[in-house]
């Protein structure tokens, strides 16, 4: 499934997302030389309806069309068949951002393993996974390890940083064992600022001689810890503004994203007392009753938390999740390596 190029494929720089499947014939890994080694690794279109990463990479490469890249660059172009249909993933596909290091029995899992093996052999300076989201969210960076290089790489994009260890199988988690890695959430598709922000970030990374090793100042970042993934169970009907369902959400629910909400905040109504949202913590434990309550048919937060990635896109909710719940995290003043991040001796 994976094709490897040592130059930019003809037509790539001007191709629209929906044209890439025919142009490239499937997912591709592109290795480009630069003055410094090892390469910056960038993944784009792991979700076919999130095109900002593609447009940012195209703009970046056009900027350097007449000059050598400051650092080698490796680009993984992911789910182009879903991009052709403007979908996160096709119905018969696994999520391209849930199979990294997870399932070598599937073609997609073997492909991600091949990408990891290639980059392990070549060496990686840092990894950047570019995404959009469907709800109203700020631009923010996600990390999977609380160490200085990861925080430095994240803070270069945004002062808002999200630390998470679930869901498993994400690209940044797999690359975190090779190098500092971030996932960048660049707002909704179709916003010019998202493309510009991502392009400028990639250019800044290419020009870094090294990732700073001094601690990030506390006032330079606000870190939130993802404590729960919230899903609508399969078989439970839901909608916005309609009562003829088991769970009815308020119409403008995505306005709650990145707001610290008090206990009792209403998310909607429960029209069937057997239907409830499912919440799992970062260890996979069921914590549904901790975070939501249903007094008199209202769907309410049971504790104070901050949601992210709330969306009104029904397909995204079915294919992924309803939202994530986060808590503000205080970093130690002398953050170096947390015990679980220290290398084994």
Protein backbone atom coordinates (compact mmCIF):
# COMPACT_ATOMS: atom_id res chain seq x y z
CA UNK A 1 0.00 0.00 0.00
CA UNK A 2 2.89 2.40 0.71
CA UNK A 3 4.94 4.08 -2.00
CA UNK A 4 8.18 5.91 -1.16
CA UNK A 5 9.50 8.94 -3.06
CA UNK A 6 12.85 10.75 -2.80
CA UNK A 7 11.49 13.85 -4.57
CA UNK A 8 8.17 15.67 -4.55
CA UNK A 9 5.76 13.73 -6.80
CA UNK A 10 4.78 15.60 -9.93
CA UNK A 11 1.57 17.54 -9.43
CA UNK A 12 1.61 17.19 -5.63
CA UNK A 13 2.20 20.86 -4.84
CA UNK A 14 -1.03 22.01 -6.47
CA UNK A 15 -3.23 18.97 -5.90
CA UNK A 16 -6.49 19.25 -4.01
CA UNK A 17 -7.14 16.61 -1.32
CA UNK A 18 -9.77 14.88 -3.43
CA UNK A 19 -7.27 14.45 -6.30
CA UNK A 20 -4.47 12.80 -4.32
CA UNK A 21 -5.78 9.24 -4.51
CA UNK A 22 -5.67 9.26 -8.31
CA UNK A 23 -2.41 11.23 -8.36
CA UNK A 24 -0.46 9.16 -5.82
CA UNK A 25 -2.20 5.81 -6.01
CA UNK A 26 -2.47 5.53 -2.23
CA UNK A 27 -0.56 6.63 0.87
CA UNK A 28 3.02 7.80 0.26
CA UNK A 29 6.15 8.60 2.23
CA UNK A 30 8.24 11.41 0.75
CA UNK A 31 11.88 11.91 1.82
CA UNK A 32 13.45 15.28 0.94
CA UNK A 33 17.06 16.23 1.62
CA UNK A 34 18.14 19.30 3.57
CA UNK A 35 21.19 20.99 5.11
CA UNK A 36 20.71 19.41 8.52
CA UNK A 37 19.99 15.83 9.51
CA UNK A 38 18.05 13.97 10.81
CA UNK A 39 14.75 14.78 9.21
CA UNK A 40 11.68 16.48 10.57
CA UNK A 41 8.81 14.00 10.15
CA UNK A 42 5.37 15.37 9.25
CA UNK A 43 2.16 13.37 8.83
CA UNK A 44 -0.86 14.80 7.04
CA UNK A 45 -4.33 13.57 6.07
CA UNK A 46 -4.45 10.74 8.59
CA UNK A 47 -8.08 11.82 8.52
CA UNK A 48 -9.30 12.47 5.00
CA UNK A 49 -11.52 15.43 5.89
CA UNK A 50 -8.72 17.39 7.61
CA UNK A 51 -6.84 19.10 4.75
CA UNK A 52 -4.99 21.93 6.54
CA UNK A 53 -1.85 19.81 6.89
CA UNK A 54 -1.73 19.21 3.13
CA UNK A 55 -2.16 22.89 2.32
CA UNK A 56 0.49 23.88 4.89
CA UNK A 57 3.03 21.41 3.47
CA UNK A 58 2.29 22.55 -0.09
CA UNK A 59 2.81 26.19 0.91
CA UNK A 60 6.02 25.35 2.75
CA UNK A 61 7.51 23.45 -0.19
CA UNK A 62 6.58 26.26 -2.58
CA UNK A 63 8.42 28.70 -0.28
CA UNK A 64 11.55 26.55 -0.65
CA UNK A 65 11.10 25.75 -4.33
CA UNK A 66 14.29 27.63 -5.29
CA UNK A 67 16.42 26.84 -2.25
CA UNK A 68 17.60 23.94 -0.15
CA UNK A 69 15.51 22.98 2.85
CA UNK A 70 17.21 23.96 6.14
CA UNK A 71 16.64 20.43 7.40
CA UNK A 72 15.70 17.13 5.77
CA UNK A 73 11.96 16.59 5.68
CA UNK A 74 9.96 13.35 5.56
CA UNK A 75 6.23 13.62 4.79
CA UNK A 76 3.68 10.86 5.24
CA UNK A 77 0.51 11.46 3.22
CA UNK A 78 -2.11 9.22 4.78
CA UNK A 79 -5.72 8.43 3.96
CA UNK A 80 -6.04 9.75 0.42
CA UNK A 81 -8.94 7.42 -0.42
CA UNK A 82 -10.99 9.00 2.39
CA UNK A 83 -9.81 12.46 1.27
CA UNK A 84 -11.30 11.73 -2.15
CA UNK A 85 -14.71 11.47 -0.45
CA UNK A 86 -14.03 14.25 2.13
CA UNK A 87 -14.52 11.72 4.93
CA UNK A 88 -12.57 11.06 8.12
CA UNK A 89 -12.27 7.42 7.06
CA UNK A 90 -14.19 5.11 4.76
CA UNK A 91 -16.62 2.70 6.39
CA UNK A 92 -14.46 -0.35 5.72
CA UNK A 93 -11.27 1.30 7.01
CA UNK A 94 -9.77 1.57 10.47
CA UNK A 95 -8.95 5.06 11.72
CA UNK A 96 -5.50 5.94 10.35
CA UNK A 97 -4.69 7.64 13.67
CA UNK A 98 -5.57 4.61 15.83
CA UNK A 99 -3.42 1.85 14.27
CA UNK A 100 0.15 3.01 14.89
CA UNK A 101 1.98 0.23 16.71
CA UNK A 102 -1.30 -1.56 17.38
CA UNK A 103 -2.31 -4.16 14.81
CA UNK A 104 0.18 -5.80 12.47
CA UNK A 105 -2.58 -8.09 11.18
CA UNK A 106 -4.18 -5.33 9.09
CA UNK A 107 -2.76 -3.77 5.95
CA UNK A 108 -2.97 -0.33 7.58
CA UNK A 109 -1.16 -1.52 10.71
CA UNK A 110 1.63 -3.04 8.61
CA UNK A 111 1.91 0.18 6.63
CA UNK A 112 2.35 2.30 9.77
CA UNK A 113 4.91 -0.21 11.04
CA UNK A 114 6.82 0.19 7.75
CA UNK A 115 6.81 3.98 8.16
CA UNK A 116 8.09 3.66 11.73
CA UNK A 117 10.80 1.20 10.69
CA UNK A 118 11.95 3.50 7.88
CA UNK A 119 12.13 6.54 10.15
CA UNK A 120 13.82 4.58 12.95
CA UNK A 121 16.54 3.56 10.54
CA UNK A 122 16.96 7.07 9.17
CA UNK A 123 16.66 8.86 12.51
CA UNK A 124 14.13 11.59 13.36
CA UNK A 125 14.64 15.13 14.68
CA UNK A 126 11.01 15.63 15.71
CA UNK A 127 7.55 14.50 14.64
CA UNK A 128 4.56 16.71 13.81
CA UNK A 129 1.09 15.32 13.11
CA UNK A 130 -1.25 17.92 11.59
CA UNK A 131 -5.01 17.84 12.16
CA UNK A 132 -8.24 19.83 11.98
CA UNK A 133 -11.26 19.44 14.21
CA UNK A 134 -14.95 19.84 13.47
CA UNK A 135 -16.13 21.81 16.52
CA UNK A 136 -15.19 25.25 17.78
CA UNK A 137 -11.73 24.82 19.31
CA UNK A 138 -8.67 27.05 19.60
CA UNK A 139 -5.38 26.09 18.00
CA UNK A 140 -3.52 23.85 20.43
CA UNK A 141 -0.78 21.25 20.65
CA UNK A 142 -1.00 17.76 22.15
CA UNK A 143 1.82 15.73 23.70
CA UNK A 144 2.06 12.23 25.15
CA UNK A 145 5.10 12.74 27.36
CA UNK A 146 5.62 15.45 29.98
CA UNK A 147 9.24 16.25 29.28
CA UNK A 148 11.02 19.46 28.39
CA UNK A 149 11.63 18.70 24.66
CA UNK A 150 7.96 17.78 24.14
CA UNK A 151 6.75 20.90 25.94
CA UNK A 152 9.21 23.10 24.03
CA UNK A 153 8.02 21.67 20.72
CA UNK A 154 4.37 22.17 21.73
CA UNK A 155 4.82 25.71 23.06
CA UNK A 156 6.33 26.74 19.73
CA UNK A 157 2.81 26.31 18.31
CA UNK A 158 0.53 27.39 21.15
CA UNK A 159 0.52 28.24 24.83
CA UNK A 160 -2.41 25.80 25.15
CA UNK A 161 -1.06 22.25 25.51
CA UNK A 162 -3.03 19.04 26.05
CA UNK A 163 -1.35 16.00 27.60
CA UNK A 164 -3.01 12.65 26.90
CA UNK A 165 -2.24 8.94 26.95
CA UNK A 166 -5.53 7.77 25.41
CA UNK A 167 -6.68 6.97 22.75
CA UNK A 168 -4.01 4.42 21.91
CA UNK A 169 -2.55 3.86 18.47
CA UNK A 170 -2.10 7.53 17.63
CA UNK A 171 0.82 8.65 15.49
CA UNK A 172 2.36 10.95 18.10
CA UNK A 173 2.41 8.18 20.71
CA UNK A 174 4.27 5.85 18.37
CA UNK A 175 6.83 8.51 17.42
CA UNK A 176 7.29 9.61 21.05
CA UNK A 177 9.56 6.60 21.46
CA UNK A 178 11.83 7.94 18.70
CA UNK A 179 11.85 11.71 19.19
CA UNK A 180 9.89 14.65 20.58
CA UNK A 181 6.45 14.45 19.02
CA UNK A 182 3.38 16.68 18.87
CA UNK A 183 -0.10 16.61 17.43
CA UNK A 184 -1.25 20.03 16.24
CA UNK A 185 -4.94 20.91 16.14
CA UNK A 186 -5.21 23.71 13.57
CA UNK A 187 -8.84 24.73 13.88
CA UNK A 188 -11.59 23.90 11.43
CA UNK A 189 -10.98 23.08 7.75
CA UNK A 190 -11.19 25.97 5.33
CA UNK A 191 -9.63 28.59 7.61
CA UNK A 192 -6.67 30.37 6.02
CA UNK A 193 -5.09 31.15 9.38
CA UNK A 194 -4.87 27.43 10.17
CA UNK A 195 -2.81 26.86 7.03
CA UNK A 196 -0.57 29.86 7.73
CA UNK A 197 -0.04 28.89 11.36
CA UNK A 198 0.89 25.31 10.46
CA UNK A 199 3.19 26.38 7.62
CA UNK A 200 5.02 28.90 9.83
CA UNK A 201 5.38 26.29 12.56
CA UNK A 202 6.91 23.75 10.18
CA UNK A 203 9.31 26.40 8.84
CA UNK A 204 10.36 27.24 12.41
CA UNK A 205 10.99 23.56 13.16
CA UNK A 206 13.07 23.14 10.00
CA UNK A 207 15.25 26.06 11.11
CA UNK A 208 15.85 24.78 14.64
CA UNK A 209 19.40 23.60 15.21
CA UNK A 210 18.19 21.71 18.25
CA UNK A 211 15.10 21.57 20.45
CA UNK A 212 15.71 23.70 23.57
CA UNK A 213 16.50 21.75 26.72
CA UNK A 214 15.75 24.48 29.27
CA UNK A 215 12.39 24.30 31.10
CA UNK A 216 9.38 26.03 29.61
CA UNK A 217 8.38 28.99 31.77
CA UNK A 218 5.12 28.38 33.62
CA UNK A 219 3.57 31.55 32.16
CA UNK A 220 4.36 30.39 28.62
CA UNK A 221 2.09 27.33 28.64
CA UNK A 222 -1.21 26.20 30.08
CA UNK A 223 -1.33 22.43 30.26
CA UNK A 224 -4.53 20.40 30.40
CA UNK A 225 -4.66 16.68 31.13
CA UNK A 226 -7.19 14.56 29.24
CA UNK A 227 -8.89 12.49 31.93
CA UNK A 228 -11.76 10.88 30.01
CA UNK A 229 -12.94 9.98 26.53
CA UNK A 230 -16.71 10.34 26.11
CA UNK A 231 -18.64 8.29 23.56
CA UNK A 232 -22.24 7.71 22.57
CA UNK A 233 -22.74 3.93 22.84
CA UNK A 234 -23.50 2.04 19.65
CA UNK A 235 -27.22 1.58 19.31
CA UNK A 236 -28.09 4.71 21.29
CA UNK A 237 -29.83 7.32 19.15
CA UNK A 238 -28.92 10.99 19.55
CA UNK A 239 -29.46 14.31 17.83
CA UNK A 240 -29.39 18.08 18.23
CA UNK A 241 -32.69 19.90 18.60
CA UNK A 242 -34.79 16.74 18.10
CA UNK A 243 -36.67 15.01 20.90
CA UNK A 244 -37.42 11.73 19.12
CA UNK A 245 -34.08 10.24 20.24
CA UNK A 246 -32.67 8.68 23.39
CA UNK A 247 -30.13 11.45 24.02
CA UNK A 248 -30.79 15.02 22.89
CA UNK A 249 -27.87 17.47 22.99
CA UNK A 250 -28.17 21.25 23.21
CA UNK A 251 -27.76 22.92 19.82
CA UNK A 252 -24.64 25.00 20.48
CA UNK A 253 -22.75 22.45 22.55
CA UNK A 254 -19.44 23.01 20.75
CA UNK A 255 -19.27 26.46 22.37
CA UNK A 256 -18.33 24.61 25.59
CA UNK A 257 -14.94 23.58 24.14
CA UNK A 258 -11.99 24.76 26.24
CA UNK A 259 -14.26 26.33 28.85
CA UNK A 260 -13.87 25.23 32.47
CA UNK A 261 -17.46 24.23 33.25
CA UNK A 262 -18.96 23.82 36.73
CA UNK A 263 -20.79 20.74 37.94
CA UNK A 264 -24.42 20.94 36.89
CA UNK A 265 -23.73 22.33 33.39
CA UNK A 266 -26.48 20.98 31.13
CA UNK A 267 -25.41 19.08 28.01
CA UNK A 268 -28.92 18.06 26.99
CA UNK A 269 -31.75 15.72 27.89
CA UNK A 270 -32.08 11.99 28.51
CA UNK A 271 -35.34 10.72 26.96
CA UNK A 272 -34.59 7.07 27.76
CA UNK A 273 -33.27 6.33 31.24
CA UNK A 274 -31.34 3.31 29.93
CA UNK A 275 -29.29 5.52 27.57
CA UNK A 276 -26.18 7.15 28.99
CA UNK A 277 -22.89 8.53 27.73
CA UNK A 278 -19.89 6.23 28.12
CA UNK A 279 -16.75 7.65 29.75
CA UNK A 280 -13.39 5.88 29.96
CA UNK A 281 -10.37 7.17 31.86
CA UNK A 282 -6.80 6.98 30.54
CA UNK A 283 -6.49 3.41 31.88
CA UNK A 284 -9.62 2.20 30.11
CA UNK A 285 -11.78 2.14 33.24
CA UNK A 286 -15.48 2.99 33.07
CA UNK A 287 -15.93 6.34 34.84
CA UNK A 288 -19.29 7.28 33.34
CA UNK A 289 -21.00 7.93 36.69
CA UNK A 290 -18.16 10.15 37.83
CA UNK A 291 -18.59 12.69 35.04
CA UNK A 292 -22.29 12.71 34.10
CA UNK A 293 -25.57 12.59 36.00
CA UNK A 294 -29.18 12.56 34.77
CA UNK A 295 -31.47 14.23 37.34
CA UNK A 296 -35.08 14.49 36.15
CA UNK A 297 -34.06 13.64 32.58
CA UNK A 298 -31.40 16.35 32.28
CA UNK A 299 -27.93 15.39 31.07
CA UNK A 300 -25.48 17.25 33.34
CA UNK A 301 -21.84 17.33 34.30
CA UNK A 302 -21.38 15.72 37.71
CA UNK A 303 -18.03 17.45 38.34
CA UNK A 304 -16.21 20.53 37.09
CA UNK A 305 -14.18 19.76 33.92
CA UNK A 306 -13.16 21.29 30.59
CA UNK A 307 -14.36 19.58 27.38
CA UNK A 308 -12.56 19.58 24.06
CA UNK A 309 -13.52 18.47 20.55
CA UNK A 310 -17.25 18.66 21.17
CA UNK A 311 -18.77 18.58 17.70
CA UNK A 312 -22.17 18.64 16.00
CA UNK A 313 -20.87 16.28 13.27
CA UNK A 314 -22.83 13.06 13.80
CA UNK A 315 -20.53 10.99 11.59
CA UNK A 316 -17.42 12.07 13.51
CA UNK A 317 -19.14 11.21 16.80
CA UNK A 318 -19.99 7.75 15.50
CA UNK A 319 -16.54 7.12 14.03
CA UNK A 320 -14.54 8.60 16.89
CA UNK A 321 -16.03 10.09 20.06
CA UNK A 322 -18.39 12.73 21.43
CA UNK A 323 -15.65 14.69 23.22
CA UNK A 324 -12.75 14.56 25.66
CA UNK A 325 -12.82 15.85 29.23
CA UNK A 326 -9.78 17.63 30.66
CA UNK A 327 -8.47 19.06 33.90
CA UNK A 328 -5.94 21.86 34.35
CA UNK A 329 -2.50 20.52 35.22
CA UNK A 330 0.19 22.24 37.29
CA UNK A 331 3.72 21.46 36.16
CA UNK A 332 6.55 21.08 38.69
CA UNK A 333 8.84 24.11 38.86
CA UNK A 334 11.87 21.89 38.25
CA UNK A 335 10.40 19.68 35.53
CA UNK A 336 13.08 17.52 33.99
CA UNK A 337 11.94 13.95 33.47
CA UNK A 338 9.01 12.53 35.35
CA UNK A 339 9.77 9.12 36.89
CA UNK A 340 7.77 7.19 34.28
CA UNK A 341 9.64 8.99 31.50
CA UNK A 342 13.17 8.29 32.72
CA UNK A 343 15.14 5.80 30.61
CA UNK A 344 15.62 2.38 32.10
CA UNK A 345 19.12 1.64 33.45
